[in-house]
Amino acid sequence: MPRIVSPSILSADFGHLADEIALLDRSEAQWIHFDVMDGVFVPNISFGFPLLRQVRALTRKKLDVHLMIVDPDRYIDRFAECGADVLTVQAEACVHLHRTLQAIHRAGMRAGVALNPHTPLCAIEEVLEDTDMVLLMTVNPGYGGQQFIEHSYSKIERLRAMIDSRNLPTLIQMDGGVTLENAGALYASGVDVLVAGNTVFSSADPACTIRRLLTAERP
């Protein structure tokens, strides 16, 4: 399985954002995670198009955009225009999820679907073939720095089995509570892409931390 680390800039120092992006650009992180929150779907507001456009100009990395917003279909083309490479929508926010995934693909991006901790895997069973990545939230969305929900391992393993049984190339991304201590176990459970915010940006050496996340072994 591939291993990808996608540092979340929600935890970056916005007073020195260009420096933070330059650090990520030099690091072994393959993607940069961009959390878009509207204060309606989740109880927090983050950032949107202007910042994404600025980040796009600063990096060669893939931009991994997670929309935690209502009515994401309205903005698909604009996120593509601003430079998103992967666009993930919340299954709970999409009335016609298959149509939304098709629209993301037509806009030239890889399509992801995110599930909140309470949302069962059956919510995406009928669109799995149309999905490039499934993002499992292992904290309740809205804020960084939360503790990993321990029983999420079972959900990861069941999703891995579902994907493998259909012989699909769909990636599993995990967001919430990623640490150097649990990264190896998460890979072993079936995760391909780790989103890490505080673990990366609060460390003394973020580039070294990214490398350690990529090479973590099961304890």
Protein backbone atom coordinates (compact mmCIF):
# COMPACT_ATOMS: atom_id res chain seq x y z
CA MET A 1 0.00 0.00 0.00
CA PRO A 2 1.18 3.56 -0.60
CA ARG A 3 2.02 5.76 2.36
CA ILE A 4 1.15 9.43 2.09
CA VAL A 5 1.41 12.13 4.76
CA SER A 6 -0.79 15.19 4.25
CA PRO A 7 0.04 17.87 6.86
CA SER A 8 -2.95 20.03 7.71
CA ILE A 9 -2.19 23.73 7.48
CA LEU A 10 -5.03 24.41 9.89
CA SER A 11 -2.33 23.92 12.54
CA ALA A 12 0.32 26.03 10.79
CA ASP A 13 1.61 29.41 12.00
CA PHE A 14 -0.36 31.81 9.80
CA GLY A 15 1.93 34.67 10.79
CA HIS A 16 4.66 32.86 8.83
CA LEU A 17 2.59 30.84 6.40
CA ALA A 18 4.94 31.21 3.42
CA ASP A 19 7.76 29.79 5.56
CA GLU A 20 5.56 26.91 6.73
CA ILE A 21 4.61 26.04 3.13
CA ALA A 22 8.26 26.24 2.06
CA LEU A 23 9.14 23.82 4.84
CA LEU A 24 6.47 21.38 3.65
CA ASP A 25 7.63 21.79 0.07
CA ARG A 26 11.13 20.69 1.08
CA SER A 27 9.85 17.82 3.21
CA GLU A 28 8.85 14.29 2.26
CA ALA A 29 5.15 15.09 2.65
CA GLN A 30 3.45 14.30 -0.64
CA TRP A 31 0.25 16.32 -0.08
CA ILE A 32 -0.86 19.39 1.85
CA HIS A 33 -4.24 19.17 3.59
CA PHE A 34 -6.57 22.14 3.43
CA ASP A 35 -9.62 22.16 5.74
CA VAL A 36 -12.51 24.34 4.57
CA MET A 37 -15.12 24.94 7.29
CA ASP A 38 -18.18 27.16 7.00
CA GLY A 39 -19.42 27.47 10.59
CA VAL A 40 -22.66 25.72 9.58
CA PHE A 41 -21.80 22.10 8.81
CA VAL A 42 -19.20 22.24 11.59
CA PRO A 43 -18.94 24.68 14.52
CA ASN A 44 -15.87 26.49 13.21
CA ILE A 45 -14.85 28.75 10.32
CA SER A 46 -11.48 28.38 8.61
CA PHE A 47 -10.56 29.70 5.16
CA GLY A 48 -11.44 29.49 1.48
CA PHE A 49 -10.53 30.43 -2.08
CA PRO A 50 -8.06 33.32 -1.56
CA LEU A 51 -5.85 31.31 0.77
CA LEU A 52 -5.98 28.21 -1.41
CA ARG A 53 -4.91 30.28 -4.41
CA GLN A 54 -1.99 31.72 -2.42
CA VAL A 55 -0.88 28.29 -1.22
CA ARG A 56 -1.12 26.90 -4.75
CA ALA A 57 1.37 29.55 -5.89
CA LEU A 58 3.81 28.58 -3.13
CA THR A 59 4.05 24.81 -3.53
CA ARG A 60 4.51 21.94 -5.97
CA LYS A 61 2.77 19.50 -3.63
CA LYS A 62 -0.68 18.06 -4.26
CA LEU A 63 -3.36 20.15 -2.56
CA ASP A 64 -5.75 17.90 -0.66
CA VAL A 65 -8.92 19.92 0.05
CA HIS A 66 -11.55 18.71 2.53
CA LEU A 67 -14.87 20.56 2.39
CA MET A 68 -16.74 20.58 5.68
CA ILE A 69 -19.49 22.80 4.30
CA VAL A 70 -23.13 22.65 3.31
CA ASP A 71 -24.01 22.48 -0.40
CA PRO A 72 -20.47 21.75 -1.65
CA ASP A 73 -21.69 21.33 -5.26
CA ARG A 74 -21.90 25.11 -5.63
CA TYR A 75 -18.13 25.49 -5.28
CA ILE A 76 -16.58 22.51 -7.09
CA ASP A 77 -15.44 24.41 -10.17
CA ARG A 78 -14.02 27.26 -8.10
CA PHE A 79 -11.89 24.92 -6.02
CA ALA A 80 -10.57 23.39 -9.24
CA GLU A 81 -9.75 26.86 -10.58
CA CYS A 82 -7.87 27.68 -7.36
CA GLY A 83 -5.64 24.63 -7.75
CA ALA A 84 -7.11 21.78 -5.71
CA ASP A 85 -5.85 18.36 -6.81
CA VAL A 86 -8.05 16.24 -4.53
CA LEU A 87 -11.49 17.44 -3.42
CA THR A 88 -13.24 15.61 -0.59
CA VAL A 89 -16.85 16.23 0.35
CA GLN A 90 -18.76 15.05 3.39
CA ALA A 91 -21.24 12.30 2.58
CA GLU A 92 -23.63 13.84 5.12
CA ALA A 93 -23.67 17.15 3.19
CA CYS A 94 -24.47 15.70 -0.25
CA VAL A 95 -28.05 15.00 -1.29
CA HIS A 96 -26.93 13.41 -4.58
CA LEU A 97 -23.49 12.07 -3.74
CA HIS A 98 -22.94 10.20 -7.02
CA ARG A 99 -23.66 13.38 -8.98
CA THR A 100 -21.25 15.34 -6.79
CA LEU A 101 -18.44 12.83 -7.38
CA GLN A 102 -19.05 12.99 -11.12
CA ALA A 103 -18.86 16.78 -11.02
CA ILE A 104 -15.52 16.66 -9.14
CA HIS A 105 -14.09 14.32 -11.77
CA ARG A 106 -15.37 16.50 -14.62
CA ALA A 107 -13.58 19.45 -13.01
CA GLY A 108 -10.30 17.51 -13.28
CA MET A 109 -9.80 16.59 -9.62
CA ARG A 110 -9.65 13.32 -7.73
CA ALA A 111 -12.85 12.78 -5.74
CA GLY A 112 -12.98 11.94 -2.06
CA VAL A 113 -15.82 11.21 0.35
CA ALA A 114 -15.53 11.87 4.09
CA LEU A 115 -17.51 10.11 6.80
CA ASN A 116 -18.03 11.50 10.28
CA PRO A 117 -17.39 9.11 13.19
CA HIS A 118 -21.10 8.26 13.56
CA THR A 119 -21.73 7.64 9.83
CA PRO A 120 -21.76 3.96 8.84
CA LEU A 121 -19.77 2.62 5.89
CA CYS A 122 -22.97 1.60 4.13
CA ALA A 123 -23.49 5.31 3.33
CA ILE A 124 -20.84 5.02 0.59
CA GLU A 125 -21.25 1.38 -0.42
CA GLU A 126 -23.06 2.28 -3.67
CA VAL A 127 -20.54 4.94 -4.77
CA LEU A 128 -17.28 3.27 -3.79
CA GLU A 129 -16.38 2.54 -7.43
CA ASP A 130 -16.72 6.27 -8.20
CA THR A 131 -14.55 7.37 -5.27
CA ASP A 132 -10.78 7.86 -5.41
CA MET A 133 -10.45 8.21 -1.65
CA VAL A 134 -12.50 7.70 1.49
CA LEU A 135 -11.65 9.96 4.42
CA LEU A 136 -12.58 8.52 7.79
CA MET A 137 -12.91 11.17 10.47
CA THR A 138 -11.53 9.74 13.69
CA VAL A 139 -12.50 12.81 15.70
CA ASN A 140 -15.65 14.90 15.48
CA PRO A 141 -14.89 17.51 12.79
CA GLY A 142 -14.46 21.19 13.45
CA TYR A 143 -11.31 21.59 15.54
CA GLY A 144 -7.72 20.40 15.51
CA GLY A 145 -5.91 18.77 18.41
CA GLN A 146 -8.63 16.30 19.44
CA GLN A 147 -8.02 12.79 20.74
CA PHE A 148 -8.25 9.83 18.38
CA ILE A 149 -11.44 7.75 18.81
CA GLU A 150 -9.97 4.34 19.60
CA HIS A 151 -12.72 2.15 18.14
CA SER A 152 -12.04 3.73 14.74
CA TYR A 153 -9.58 0.89 14.03
CA SER A 154 -12.49 -1.48 13.43
CA LYS A 155 -14.07 0.93 10.94
CA ILE A 156 -10.76 1.30 9.08
CA GLU A 157 -10.33 -2.48 8.87
CA ARG A 158 -13.89 -2.98 7.60
CA LEU A 159 -13.44 -0.30 4.94
CA ARG A 160 -10.13 -1.86 3.87
CA ALA A 161 -11.87 -5.21 3.45
CA MET A 162 -14.70 -3.61 1.47
CA ILE A 163 -12.26 -1.94 -0.93
CA ASP A 164 -10.04 -5.00 -1.32
CA SER A 165 -12.99 -7.33 -1.92
CA ARG A 166 -13.87 -5.24 -4.99
CA ASN A 167 -10.23 -4.94 -6.08
CA LEU A 168 -10.48 -1.13 -6.13
CA PRO A 169 -7.60 1.37 -6.06
CA THR A 170 -9.52 3.62 -3.62
CA LEU A 171 -7.29 5.17 -0.96
CA ILE A 172 -8.20 5.35 2.72
CA GLN A 173 -7.38 8.65 4.38
CA MET A 174 -7.60 9.19 8.13
CA ASP A 175 -7.95 12.53 9.87
CA GLY A 176 -8.00 13.12 13.61
CA GLY A 177 -5.59 12.39 16.41
CA VAL A 178 -2.67 11.12 14.29
CA THR A 179 0.51 10.80 16.35
CA LEU A 180 3.92 9.20 16.03
CA GLU A 181 2.69 6.58 18.50
CA ASN A 182 -0.34 5.40 16.49
CA ALA A 183 0.79 5.98 12.88
CA GLY A 184 2.22 2.47 12.48
CA ALA A 185 -0.94 0.84 13.79
CA LEU A 186 -3.05 2.97 11.46
CA TYR A 187 -1.08 1.85 8.42
CA ALA A 188 -1.40 -1.75 9.60
CA SER A 189 -5.18 -1.31 9.85
CA GLY A 190 -5.35 -0.28 6.20
CA VAL A 191 -4.80 3.49 6.06
CA ASP A 192 -2.95 4.92 3.04
CA VAL A 193 -3.02 8.66 3.80
CA LEU A 194 -2.46 10.23 7.22
CA VAL A 195 -3.61 13.79 7.86
CA ALA A 196 -1.48 15.30 10.61
CA GLY A 197 -1.75 18.83 11.93
CA ASN A 198 -0.60 19.42 15.50
CA THR A 199 1.77 16.44 15.39
CA VAL A 200 3.69 18.06 12.52
CA PHE A 201 3.49 21.75 13.26
CA SER A 202 3.98 21.60 17.04
CA SER A 203 7.13 19.51 16.71
CA ALA A 204 10.63 20.96 16.98
CA ASP A 205 11.52 19.49 13.58
CA PRO A 206 8.44 19.15 11.36
CA ALA A 207 10.36 17.65 8.42
CA CYS A 208 11.80 14.95 10.68
CA THR A 209 8.35 14.27 12.13
CA ILE A 210 6.91 13.84 8.63
CA ARG A 211 9.67 11.35 7.82
CA ARG A 212 8.95 9.44 11.03
CA LEU A 213 5.23 9.35 10.22
CA LEU A 214 5.99 7.93 6.78
CA THR A 215 8.24 5.20 8.17
CA ALA A 216 6.33 4.35 11.35
CA GLU A 217 6.01 0.67 12.23
CA ARG A 218 3.35 -1.02 14.27
CA PRO A 219 4.36 -0.98 17.97
